[in-house]
């Protein structure tokens, strides 16, 4: 499983995709590592099966990145330009779609 996080202000769009590119679950949580972790647990996501969590560099990304790593998740923070290049092919630019794109980026 792979997770994409699109952090905006105090909320985070979360998208979880399986290895076969099937959507597992999607939704929103507060932009705190403990809230994101708790959201994954309540959605019955097997935390041990997560191979990567991808988020875009930004104001809160370092805080979220470090917090999720301390909670045992493998986190990748991509530079804004790289994320933009990967996400620009999407038709609808939304936080939900950005999270989906970041999950697929870490999957490859």
N, C-alpha and C. Protein backbone atom coordinates (compact mmCIF):
# COMPACT_ATOMS: atom_id res chain seq x y z
N UNK A 1 0.83 -1.18 0.00
CA UNK A 1 0.00 0.00 0.00
C UNK A 1 0.87 1.24 0.00
N UNK A 2 0.32 2.29 -0.59
CA UNK A 2 1.01 3.58 -0.67
C UNK A 2 0.03 4.67 -0.30
N UNK A 3 0.54 5.71 0.36
CA UNK A 3 -0.31 6.79 0.84
C UNK A 3 0.18 8.12 0.29
N UNK A 4 -0.77 8.92 -0.20
CA UNK A 4 -0.46 10.27 -0.63
C UNK A 4 -1.13 11.25 0.31
N UNK A 5 -0.40 12.28 0.70
CA UNK A 5 -0.93 13.31 1.60
C UNK A 5 -0.80 14.67 0.93
N UNK A 6 -1.88 15.39 0.84
CA UNK A 6 -1.83 16.77 0.36
C UNK A 6 -2.22 17.66 1.53
N UNK A 7 -1.22 18.34 2.09
CA UNK A 7 -1.42 19.15 3.29
C UNK A 7 -1.77 20.57 2.87
N UNK A 8 -2.87 21.07 3.38
CA UNK A 8 -3.28 22.45 3.12
C UNK A 8 -3.83 23.05 4.39
N UNK A 9 -3.23 24.14 4.81
CA UNK A 9 -3.57 24.84 6.04
C UNK A 9 -3.65 23.86 7.20
N UNK A 10 -4.82 23.62 7.76
CA UNK A 10 -4.91 22.73 8.92
C UNK A 10 -5.46 21.36 8.57
N UNK A 11 -5.73 21.10 7.30
CA UNK A 11 -6.29 19.82 6.88
C UNK A 11 -5.34 19.08 5.95
N UNK A 12 -5.54 17.78 5.88
CA UNK A 12 -4.75 16.94 5.00
C UNK A 12 -5.68 16.03 4.22
N UNK A 13 -5.57 16.05 2.90
CA UNK A 13 -6.28 15.09 2.06
C UNK A 13 -5.42 13.83 2.04
N UNK A 14 -6.06 12.68 2.26
CA UNK A 14 -5.35 11.41 2.34
C UNK A 14 -5.91 10.47 1.28
N UNK A 15 -5.01 9.79 0.57
CA UNK A 15 -5.42 8.82 -0.43
C UNK A 15 -4.54 7.59 -0.27
N UNK A 16 -5.17 6.43 -0.11
CA UNK A 16 -4.44 5.17 0.06
C UNK A 16 -4.73 4.29 -1.15
N UNK A 17 -3.67 3.81 -1.77
CA UNK A 17 -3.80 2.97 -2.96
C UNK A 17 -3.06 1.65 -2.71
N UNK A 18 -3.63 0.55 -3.23
CA UNK A 18 -3.00 -0.75 -3.08
C UNK A 18 -1.90 -0.92 -4.12
N UNK A 19 -1.15 -2.00 -4.00
CA UNK A 19 -0.09 -2.28 -4.97
C UNK A 19 -0.65 -2.50 -6.37
N UNK A 20 -1.90 -2.91 -6.45
CA UNK A 20 -2.54 -3.15 -7.74
C UNK A 20 -3.25 -1.91 -8.26
N UNK A 21 -2.96 -0.77 -7.65
CA UNK A 21 -3.51 0.54 -8.01
C UNK A 21 -5.01 0.67 -7.77
N UNK A 22 -5.53 -0.12 -6.86
CA UNK A 22 -6.93 0.02 -6.46
C UNK A 22 -7.00 0.98 -5.28
N UNK A 23 -8.01 1.84 -5.30
CA UNK A 23 -8.21 2.75 -4.18
C UNK A 23 -8.62 1.94 -2.96
N UNK A 24 -7.94 2.14 -1.87
CA UNK A 24 -8.29 1.47 -0.62
C UNK A 24 -9.23 2.36 0.18
N UNK A 25 -8.81 3.59 0.40
CA UNK A 25 -9.62 4.54 1.16
C UNK A 25 -9.11 5.95 0.90
N UNK A 26 -10.00 6.92 1.04
CA UNK A 26 -9.61 8.32 0.90
C UNK A 26 -10.44 9.17 1.84
N UNK A 27 -9.88 10.30 2.21
CA UNK A 27 -10.60 11.20 3.11
C UNK A 27 -9.73 12.33 3.59
N UNK A 28 -10.09 12.90 4.73
CA UNK A 28 -9.38 14.06 5.28
C UNK A 28 -9.13 13.87 6.77
N UNK A 29 -8.05 14.48 7.23
CA UNK A 29 -7.73 14.52 8.66
C UNK A 29 -7.07 15.86 8.94
N UNK A 30 -6.93 16.19 10.20
CA UNK A 30 -6.18 17.39 10.55
C UNK A 30 -4.71 17.19 10.18
N UNK A 31 -3.99 18.27 10.00
CA UNK A 31 -2.60 18.21 9.55
C UNK A 31 -1.63 17.98 10.70
N UNK A 32 -1.93 17.02 11.53
CA UNK A 32 -1.04 16.63 12.62
C UNK A 32 -0.67 15.16 12.41
N UNK A 33 0.58 14.79 12.60
CA UNK A 33 0.99 13.41 12.40
C UNK A 33 0.14 12.40 13.18
N UNK A 34 -0.17 12.72 14.42
CA UNK A 34 -0.98 11.80 15.22
C UNK A 34 -2.40 11.65 14.67
N UNK A 35 -2.97 12.73 14.14
CA UNK A 35 -4.31 12.66 13.56
C UNK A 35 -4.31 11.86 12.26
N UNK A 36 -3.28 12.04 11.45
CA UNK A 36 -3.17 11.28 10.20
C UNK A 36 -3.01 9.79 10.53
N UNK A 37 -2.13 9.48 11.46
CA UNK A 37 -1.90 8.10 11.88
C UNK A 37 -3.19 7.49 12.43
N UNK A 38 -3.88 8.22 13.28
CA UNK A 38 -5.14 7.75 13.86
C UNK A 38 -6.19 7.53 12.76
N UNK A 39 -6.26 8.44 11.80
CA UNK A 39 -7.22 8.30 10.70
C UNK A 39 -6.95 7.00 9.93
N UNK A 40 -5.68 6.72 9.65
CA UNK A 40 -5.34 5.47 8.95
C UNK A 40 -5.77 4.25 9.75
N UNK A 41 -5.54 4.31 11.07
CA UNK A 41 -5.94 3.19 11.93
C UNK A 41 -7.46 2.99 11.94
N UNK A 42 -8.21 4.09 12.02
CA UNK A 42 -9.67 3.97 12.09
C UNK A 42 -10.26 3.51 10.76
N UNK A 43 -9.54 3.70 9.67
CA UNK A 43 -10.00 3.24 8.36
C UNK A 43 -9.53 1.81 8.07
N UNK A 44 -8.97 1.16 9.10
CA UNK A 44 -8.54 -0.23 9.01
C UNK A 44 -7.42 -0.44 7.98
N UNK A 45 -6.58 0.57 7.80
CA UNK A 45 -5.42 0.45 6.91
C UNK A 45 -4.34 -0.31 7.67
N UNK A 46 -3.80 -1.36 7.05
CA UNK A 46 -2.73 -2.14 7.66
C UNK A 46 -1.45 -1.32 7.61
N UNK A 47 -1.09 -0.72 8.72
CA UNK A 47 0.06 0.17 8.78
C UNK A 47 1.36 -0.54 8.43
N UNK A 48 1.45 -1.82 8.75
CA UNK A 48 2.66 -2.58 8.44
C UNK A 48 2.80 -2.82 6.94
N UNK A 49 1.70 -2.75 6.20
CA UNK A 49 1.73 -2.98 4.75
C UNK A 49 2.04 -1.72 3.95
N UNK A 50 2.12 -0.58 4.62
CA UNK A 50 2.41 0.67 3.92
C UNK A 50 3.88 0.70 3.52
N UNK A 51 4.11 0.82 2.22
CA UNK A 51 5.47 0.84 1.69
C UNK A 51 6.01 2.26 1.54
N UNK A 52 5.11 3.23 1.48
CA UNK A 52 5.55 4.60 1.35
C UNK A 52 4.43 5.60 1.55
N UNK A 53 4.77 6.70 2.19
CA UNK A 53 3.86 7.83 2.38
C UNK A 53 4.53 9.02 1.69
N UNK A 54 3.82 9.63 0.74
CA UNK A 54 4.41 10.73 -0.03
C UNK A 54 3.68 12.03 0.27
N UNK A 55 4.45 13.08 0.53
CA UNK A 55 3.88 14.40 0.71
C UNK A 55 4.78 15.42 0.03
N UNK A 56 4.17 16.53 -0.34
CA UNK A 56 4.89 17.59 -1.03
C UNK A 56 5.50 18.55 -0.02
N UNK A 57 6.69 19.03 -0.32
CA UNK A 57 7.36 19.99 0.56
C UNK A 57 6.51 21.24 0.71
N UNK A 58 6.42 21.73 1.93
CA UNK A 58 5.64 22.92 2.21
C UNK A 58 5.85 23.35 3.64
N UNK A 59 5.02 24.28 4.10
CA UNK A 59 5.17 24.86 5.43
C UNK A 59 5.10 23.82 6.54
N UNK A 60 4.18 22.88 6.46
CA UNK A 60 4.01 21.88 7.51
C UNK A 60 4.67 20.54 7.22
N UNK A 61 5.22 20.38 6.03
CA UNK A 61 5.71 19.06 5.61
C UNK A 61 6.83 18.51 6.49
N UNK A 62 7.74 19.34 6.93
CA UNK A 62 8.82 18.85 7.77
C UNK A 62 8.30 18.33 9.11
N UNK A 63 7.34 19.05 9.69
CA UNK A 63 6.72 18.64 10.94
C UNK A 63 5.97 17.32 10.77
N UNK A 64 5.17 17.22 9.71
CA UNK A 64 4.39 16.01 9.46
C UNK A 64 5.32 14.85 9.12
N UNK A 65 6.31 15.11 8.28
CA UNK A 65 7.27 14.08 7.89
C UNK A 65 7.94 13.46 9.11
N UNK A 66 8.51 14.29 9.95
CA UNK A 66 9.23 13.82 11.14
C UNK A 66 8.29 13.07 12.09
N UNK A 67 7.08 13.61 12.27
CA UNK A 67 6.12 12.97 13.17
C UNK A 67 5.67 11.61 12.69
N UNK A 68 5.43 11.48 11.39
CA UNK A 68 5.01 10.18 10.85
C UNK A 68 6.14 9.17 10.88
N UNK A 69 7.38 9.63 10.66
CA UNK A 69 8.53 8.74 10.78
C UNK A 69 8.67 8.22 12.20
N UNK A 70 8.45 9.11 13.18
CA UNK A 70 8.53 8.69 14.58
C UNK A 70 7.43 7.69 14.93
N UNK A 71 6.31 7.72 14.19
CA UNK A 71 5.23 6.77 14.40
C UNK A 71 5.44 5.49 13.58
N UNK A 72 6.58 5.38 12.90
CA UNK A 72 6.95 4.15 12.22
C UNK A 72 6.55 4.04 10.76
N UNK A 73 6.15 5.14 10.14
CA UNK A 73 5.75 5.09 8.73
C UNK A 73 6.91 5.53 7.83
N UNK A 74 7.06 4.87 6.67
CA UNK A 74 8.11 5.26 5.73
C UNK A 74 7.66 6.46 4.90
N UNK A 75 8.26 7.61 5.13
CA UNK A 75 7.78 8.86 4.52
C UNK A 75 8.80 9.38 3.50
N UNK A 76 8.26 9.88 2.39
CA UNK A 76 9.05 10.52 1.35
C UNK A 76 8.47 11.91 1.15
N UNK A 77 9.32 12.92 1.22
CA UNK A 77 8.88 14.29 0.97
C UNK A 77 9.47 14.72 -0.36
N UNK A 78 8.61 15.05 -1.32
CA UNK A 78 9.09 15.44 -2.65
C UNK A 78 9.13 16.96 -2.76
N UNK A 79 10.11 17.43 -3.48
CA UNK A 79 10.28 18.85 -3.73
C UNK A 79 9.09 19.37 -4.52
N UNK A 80 8.72 20.60 -4.30
CA UNK A 80 7.53 21.19 -4.90
C UNK A 80 7.56 21.13 -6.42
N UNK A 81 8.69 21.42 -7.03
CA UNK A 81 8.79 21.40 -8.49
C UNK A 81 8.55 20.00 -9.03
N UNK A 82 9.13 18.99 -8.36
CA UNK A 82 8.94 17.61 -8.80
C UNK A 82 7.47 17.21 -8.69
N UNK A 83 6.84 17.58 -7.60
CA UNK A 83 5.43 17.25 -7.41
C UNK A 83 4.59 17.94 -8.49
N UNK A 84 4.90 19.19 -8.76
CA UNK A 84 4.15 19.94 -9.77
C UNK A 84 4.27 19.26 -11.14
N UNK A 85 5.47 18.84 -11.49
CA UNK A 85 5.68 18.19 -12.78
C UNK A 85 4.89 16.89 -12.89
N UNK A 86 4.82 16.17 -11.80
CA UNK A 86 4.08 14.91 -11.80
C UNK A 86 2.57 15.15 -11.80
N UNK A 87 2.11 16.17 -11.07
CA UNK A 87 0.68 16.39 -10.90
C UNK A 87 0.04 17.24 -11.99
N UNK A 88 0.84 17.92 -12.82
CA UNK A 88 0.26 18.84 -13.80
C UNK A 88 -0.55 18.14 -14.89
N UNK A 89 -0.38 16.85 -15.05
CA UNK A 89 -1.13 16.12 -16.07
C UNK A 89 -2.57 15.84 -15.66
N UNK A 90 -2.91 16.11 -14.41
CA UNK A 90 -4.27 15.87 -13.93
C UNK A 90 -5.23 16.91 -14.49
N UNK A 91 -6.41 16.46 -14.81
CA UNK A 91 -7.43 17.38 -15.33
C UNK A 91 -7.94 18.33 -14.26
N UNK A 92 -8.35 17.77 -13.16
CA UNK A 92 -8.94 18.58 -12.07
C UNK A 92 -7.93 18.72 -10.94
N UNK A 93 -7.49 19.93 -10.70
CA UNK A 93 -6.52 20.21 -9.65
C UNK A 93 -7.27 20.43 -8.34
N UNK A 94 -7.36 19.37 -7.54
CA UNK A 94 -7.99 19.45 -6.23
C UNK A 94 -7.05 18.81 -5.22
N UNK A 95 -7.29 19.07 -3.95
CA UNK A 95 -6.46 18.46 -2.90
C UNK A 95 -6.59 16.95 -2.93
N UNK A 96 -7.80 16.46 -3.15
CA UNK A 96 -8.06 15.02 -3.22
C UNK A 96 -7.27 14.39 -4.38
N UNK A 97 -7.31 15.03 -5.54
CA UNK A 97 -6.59 14.50 -6.69
C UNK A 97 -5.07 14.61 -6.52
N UNK A 98 -4.61 15.66 -5.85
CA UNK A 98 -3.18 15.78 -5.56
C UNK A 98 -2.72 14.65 -4.65
N UNK A 99 -3.52 14.32 -3.64
CA UNK A 99 -3.19 13.21 -2.74
C UNK A 99 -3.14 11.90 -3.53
N UNK A 100 -4.08 11.72 -4.43
CA UNK A 100 -4.09 10.52 -5.29
C UNK A 100 -2.81 10.47 -6.13
N UNK A 101 -2.45 11.58 -6.73
CA UNK A 101 -1.24 11.64 -7.56
C UNK A 101 0.02 11.36 -6.77
N UNK A 102 0.10 11.88 -5.55
CA UNK A 102 1.28 11.65 -4.70
C UNK A 102 1.37 10.20 -4.27
N UNK A 103 0.23 9.56 -4.02
CA UNK A 103 0.24 8.13 -3.68
C UNK A 103 0.76 7.31 -4.86
N UNK A 104 0.32 7.68 -6.05
CA UNK A 104 0.77 6.96 -7.25
C UNK A 104 2.25 7.26 -7.53
N UNK A 105 2.71 8.46 -7.19
CA UNK A 105 4.12 8.82 -7.40
C UNK A 105 5.04 7.96 -6.54
N UNK A 106 4.68 7.76 -5.30
CA UNK A 106 5.52 6.98 -4.40
C UNK A 106 5.41 5.48 -4.73
N UNK A 107 4.36 5.13 -5.42
CA UNK A 107 4.16 3.73 -5.81
C UNK A 107 5.14 3.31 -6.90
N UNK A 108 5.55 4.22 -7.71
CA UNK A 108 6.41 3.89 -8.87
C UNK A 108 7.84 3.80 -8.49
